[in-house]
C-alpha atoms as a PDB file:
ATOM      1  CA  UNK A   1       3.860 -21.058  15.486  1.00  0.00           C
ATOM      2  CA  UNK A   2       0.838 -18.781  14.446  1.00  0.00           C
ATOM      3  CA  UNK A   3      -0.347 -18.510  17.313  1.00  0.00           C
ATOM      4  CA  UNK A   4       1.646 -16.807  19.186  1.00  0.00           C
ATOM      5  CA  UNK A   5       2.269 -14.267  16.331  1.00  0.00           C
ATOM      6  CA  UNK A   6      -1.770 -12.965  16.084  1.00  0.00           C
ATOM      7  CA  UNK A   7      -2.359  -9.783  17.850  1.00  0.00           C
ATOM      8  CA  UNK A   8      -6.307 -10.208  17.429  1.00  0.00           C
ATOM      9  CA  UNK A   9      -9.228 -12.256  18.263  1.00  0.00           C
ATOM     10  CA  UNK A  10      -9.520 -14.816  15.251  1.00  0.00           C
ATOM     11  CA  UNK A  11      -7.402 -17.816  13.055  1.00  0.00           C
ATOM     12  CA  UNK A  12      -4.451 -16.784  10.526  1.00  0.00           C
ATOM     13  CA  UNK A  13      -3.887 -19.501   8.399  1.00  0.00           C
ATOM     14  CA  UNK A  14      -0.796 -21.155   8.046  1.00  0.00           C
ATOM     15  CA  UNK A  15       1.472 -20.718   4.913  1.00  0.00           C
ATOM     16  CA  UNK A  16       1.086 -24.629   4.415  1.00  0.00           C
ATOM     17  CA  UNK A  17      -2.886 -24.016   3.705  1.00  0.00           C
ATOM     18  CA  UNK A  18      -1.243 -20.843   1.357  1.00  0.00           C
ATOM     19  CA  UNK A  19       0.823 -23.645  -0.192  1.00  0.00           C
ATOM     20  CA  UNK A  20      -2.392 -25.642  -0.984  1.00  0.00           C
ATOM     21  CA  UNK A  21      -4.627 -24.126  -2.077  1.00  0.00           C
ATOM     22  CA  UNK A  22      -1.501 -22.837  -4.527  1.00  0.00           C
ATOM     23  CA  UNK A  23      -0.874 -25.509  -5.964  1.00  0.00           C
ATOM     24  CA  UNK A  24      -5.015 -27.386  -6.228  1.00  0.00           C
ATOM     25  CA  UNK A  25      -6.285 -24.278  -7.281  1.00  0.00           C
ATOM     26  CA  UNK A  26      -8.131 -26.537 -10.564  1.00  0.00           C
ATOM     27  CA  UNK A  27      -9.401 -28.363  -8.125  1.00  0.00           C
ATOM     28  CA  UNK A  28     -10.412 -26.074  -5.595  1.00  0.00           C
ATOM     29  CA  UNK A  29     -12.275 -24.046  -8.520  1.00  0.00           C
ATOM     30  CA  UNK A  30     -15.433 -26.096  -7.762  1.00  0.00           C
ATOM     31  CA  UNK A  31     -15.714 -25.042  -4.590  1.00  0.00           C
ATOM     32  CA  UNK A  32     -14.541 -20.958  -4.868  1.00  0.00           C
ATOM     33  CA  UNK A  33     -17.598 -19.634  -3.293  1.00  0.00           C
ATOM     34  CA  UNK A  34     -17.300 -21.850   0.029  1.00  0.00           C
ATOM     35  CA  UNK A  35     -13.811 -21.231   0.539  1.00  0.00           C
ATOM     36  CA  UNK A  36     -14.341 -17.408   0.298  1.00  0.00           C
ATOM     37  CA  UNK A  37     -17.246 -17.786   2.069  1.00  0.00           C
ATOM     38  CA  UNK A  38     -14.756 -18.986   5.086  1.00  0.00           C
ATOM     39  CA  UNK A  39     -11.320 -17.526   4.186  1.00  0.00           C
ATOM     40  CA  UNK A  40     -10.544 -14.137   3.751  1.00  0.00           C
ATOM     41  CA  UNK A  41      -7.005 -12.602   2.187  1.00  0.00           C
ATOM     42  CA  UNK A  42      -5.924  -9.256   4.205  1.00  0.00           C
ATOM     43  CA  UNK A  43      -3.693  -7.100   6.283  1.00  0.00           C
ATOM     44  CA  UNK A  44      -3.417  -9.341   9.709  1.00  0.00           C
ATOM     45  CA  UNK A  45      -2.678  -7.814  12.911  1.00  0.00           C
ATOM     46  CA  UNK A  46       0.012  -9.836  14.363  1.00  0.00           C
ATOM     47  CA  UNK A  47       3.146  -9.057  17.186  1.00  0.00           C
ATOM     48  CA  UNK A  48       5.536  -7.974  14.247  1.00  0.00           C
ATOM     49  CA  UNK A  49       2.958  -5.760  12.356  1.00  0.00           C
ATOM     50  CA  UNK A  50       0.512  -5.784   9.829  1.00  0.00           C
ATOM     51  CA  UNK A  51       0.867  -8.622   7.275  1.00  0.00           C
ATOM     52  CA  UNK A  52      -1.039 -10.140   4.366  1.00  0.00           C
ATOM     53  CA  UNK A  53      -2.579 -13.295   5.424  1.00  0.00           C
ATOM     54  CA  UNK A  54      -5.217 -16.215   4.906  1.00  0.00           C
ATOM     55  CA  UNK A  55      -7.845 -15.613   7.826  1.00  0.00           C
ATOM     56  CA  UNK A  56     -10.767 -17.629   9.046  1.00  0.00           C
ATOM     57  CA  UNK A  57     -14.101 -15.607   8.852  1.00  0.00           C
ATOM     58  CA  UNK A  58     -15.445 -17.373  12.261  1.00  0.00           C
ATOM     59  CA  UNK A  59     -17.589 -13.874  12.351  1.00  0.00           C
ATOM     60  CA  UNK A  60     -20.298 -15.046   9.929  1.00  0.00           C
ATOM     61  CA  UNK A  61     -20.785 -17.989  12.068  1.00  0.00           C
ATOM     62  CA  UNK A  62     -20.878 -16.571  15.803  1.00  0.00           C
ATOM     63  CA  UNK A  63     -23.577 -18.405  17.655  1.00  0.00           C
ATOM     64  CA  UNK A  64     -25.669 -15.595  18.401  1.00  0.00           C
ATOM     65  CA  UNK A  65     -26.353 -14.739  14.524  1.00  0.00           C
ATOM     66  CA  UNK A  66     -29.719 -15.802  13.578  1.00  0.00           C
ATOM     67  CA  UNK A  67     -30.499 -16.324   9.406  1.00  0.00           C
ATOM     68  CA  UNK A  68     -33.382 -13.933   9.591  1.00  0.00           C
ATOM     69  CA  UNK A  69     -31.448 -10.805  10.402  1.00  0.00           C
ATOM     70  CA  UNK A  70     -30.479  -8.493   8.454  1.00  0.00           C
ATOM     71  CA  UNK A  71     -26.192  -7.903   7.723  1.00  0.00           C
ATOM     72  CA  UNK A  72     -26.714  -4.218   9.160  1.00  0.00           C
ATOM     73  CA  UNK A  73     -28.015  -5.788  12.851  1.00  0.00           C
ATOM     74  CA  UNK A  74     -25.625  -8.502  12.255  1.00  0.00           C
ATOM     75  CA  UNK A  75     -22.936  -6.249  12.302  1.00  0.00           C
ATOM     76  CA  UNK A  76     -23.885  -4.391  15.198  1.00  0.00           C
ATOM     77  CA  UNK A  77     -24.572  -7.455  17.215  1.00  0.00           C
ATOM     78  CA  UNK A  78     -20.927  -8.876  16.259  1.00  0.00           C
ATOM     79  CA  UNK A  79     -19.332  -5.159  17.145  1.00  0.00           C
ATOM     80  CA  UNK A  80     -21.379  -5.507  20.803  1.00  0.00           C
ATOM     81  CA  UNK A  81     -19.841  -9.174  21.056  1.00  0.00           C
ATOM     82  CA  UNK A  82     -16.332  -7.909  20.617  1.00  0.00           C
ATOM     83  CA  UNK A  83     -16.628  -4.543  22.468  1.00  0.00           C
ATOM     84  CA  UNK A  84     -17.878  -6.963  25.904  1.00  0.00           C
ATOM     85  CA  UNK A  85     -14.583  -8.422  26.318  1.00  0.00           C
ATOM     86  CA  UNK A  86     -13.222  -4.801  26.741  1.00  0.00           C
ATOM     87  CA  UNK A  87     -14.870  -4.559  30.135  1.00  0.00           C
ATOM     88  CA  UNK A  88     -12.806  -7.127  31.570  1.00  0.00           C
ATOM     89  CA  UNK A  89      -9.423  -6.318  30.132  1.00  0.00           C
ATOM     90  CA  UNK A  90      -6.891  -3.142  30.076  1.00  0.00           C
ATOM     91  CA  UNK A  91      -3.376  -2.142  29.050  1.00  0.00           C
ATOM     92  CA  UNK A  92      -1.964  -4.687  26.331  1.00  0.00           C
ATOM     93  CA  UNK A  93      -4.530  -7.632  26.051  1.00  0.00           C
ATOM     94  CA  UNK A  94      -7.353  -4.718  25.226  1.00  0.00           C
ATOM     95  CA  UNK A  95      -4.888  -4.328  21.829  1.00  0.00           C
ATOM     96  CA  UNK A  96      -6.355  -7.859  21.085  1.00  0.00           C
ATOM     97  CA  UNK A  97     -10.457  -6.550  21.403  1.00  0.00           C
ATOM     98  CA  UNK A  98      -9.141  -2.732  19.062  1.00  0.00           C
ATOM     99  CA  UNK A  99      -7.258  -4.943  16.335  1.00  0.00           C
ATOM    100  CA  UNK A 100     -10.243  -7.405  16.414  1.00  0.00           C
ATOM    101  CA  UNK A 101     -13.140  -4.660  16.189  1.00  0.00           C
ATOM    102  CA  UNK A 102     -10.836  -2.518  13.119  1.00  0.00           C
ATOM    103  CA  UNK A 103     -10.267  -5.970  11.553  1.00  0.00           C
ATOM    104  CA  UNK A 104     -13.310  -6.664  11.911  1.00  0.00           C
ATOM    105  CA  UNK A 105     -15.036  -3.250   9.986  1.00  0.00           C
ATOM    106  CA  UNK A 106     -12.144  -2.545   7.333  1.00  0.00           C
ATOM    107  CA  UNK A 107     -12.876  -6.139   6.157  1.00  0.00           C
ATOM    108  CA  UNK A 108     -16.958  -6.158   6.306  1.00  0.00           C
ATOM    109  CA  UNK A 109     -16.945  -2.341   4.910  1.00  0.00           C
ATOM    110  CA  UNK A 110     -14.224  -4.097   1.792  1.00  0.00           C
ATOM    111  CA  UNK A 111     -16.894  -7.130   1.447  1.00  0.00           C
ATOM    112  CA  UNK A 112     -14.535  -9.667   2.150  1.00  0.00           C
ATOM    113  CA  UNK A 113     -16.326 -10.276   5.171  1.00  0.00           C
ATOM    114  CA  UNK A 114     -19.225 -11.936   4.216  1.00  0.00           C
ATOM    115  CA  UNK A 115     -22.659 -12.348   6.462  1.00  0.00           C
END
């Protein structure tokens, strides 16, 4: 079960999603732009290490983000939202927060996360 392996605040797709996308490439090509907004692949923080997986781009859907904000303002807001959790955690749970911040910033800079 993937939810037990994830070591950041996020949603990682199960291998059955990868398989579905692979088997239906032709049909899904029509919705590629939409899929790219929702999913991205990168080294994902798991308890067993960083492994390539598809991830849900929940960052762009953060409820406090408004359309009229610039990407820079949205990025700052997302970092603030995630960092806020640090004030309520310590020890090993804080690793989830640190991993999430690092994961978001790396993937935003590499243009895998679209806001």
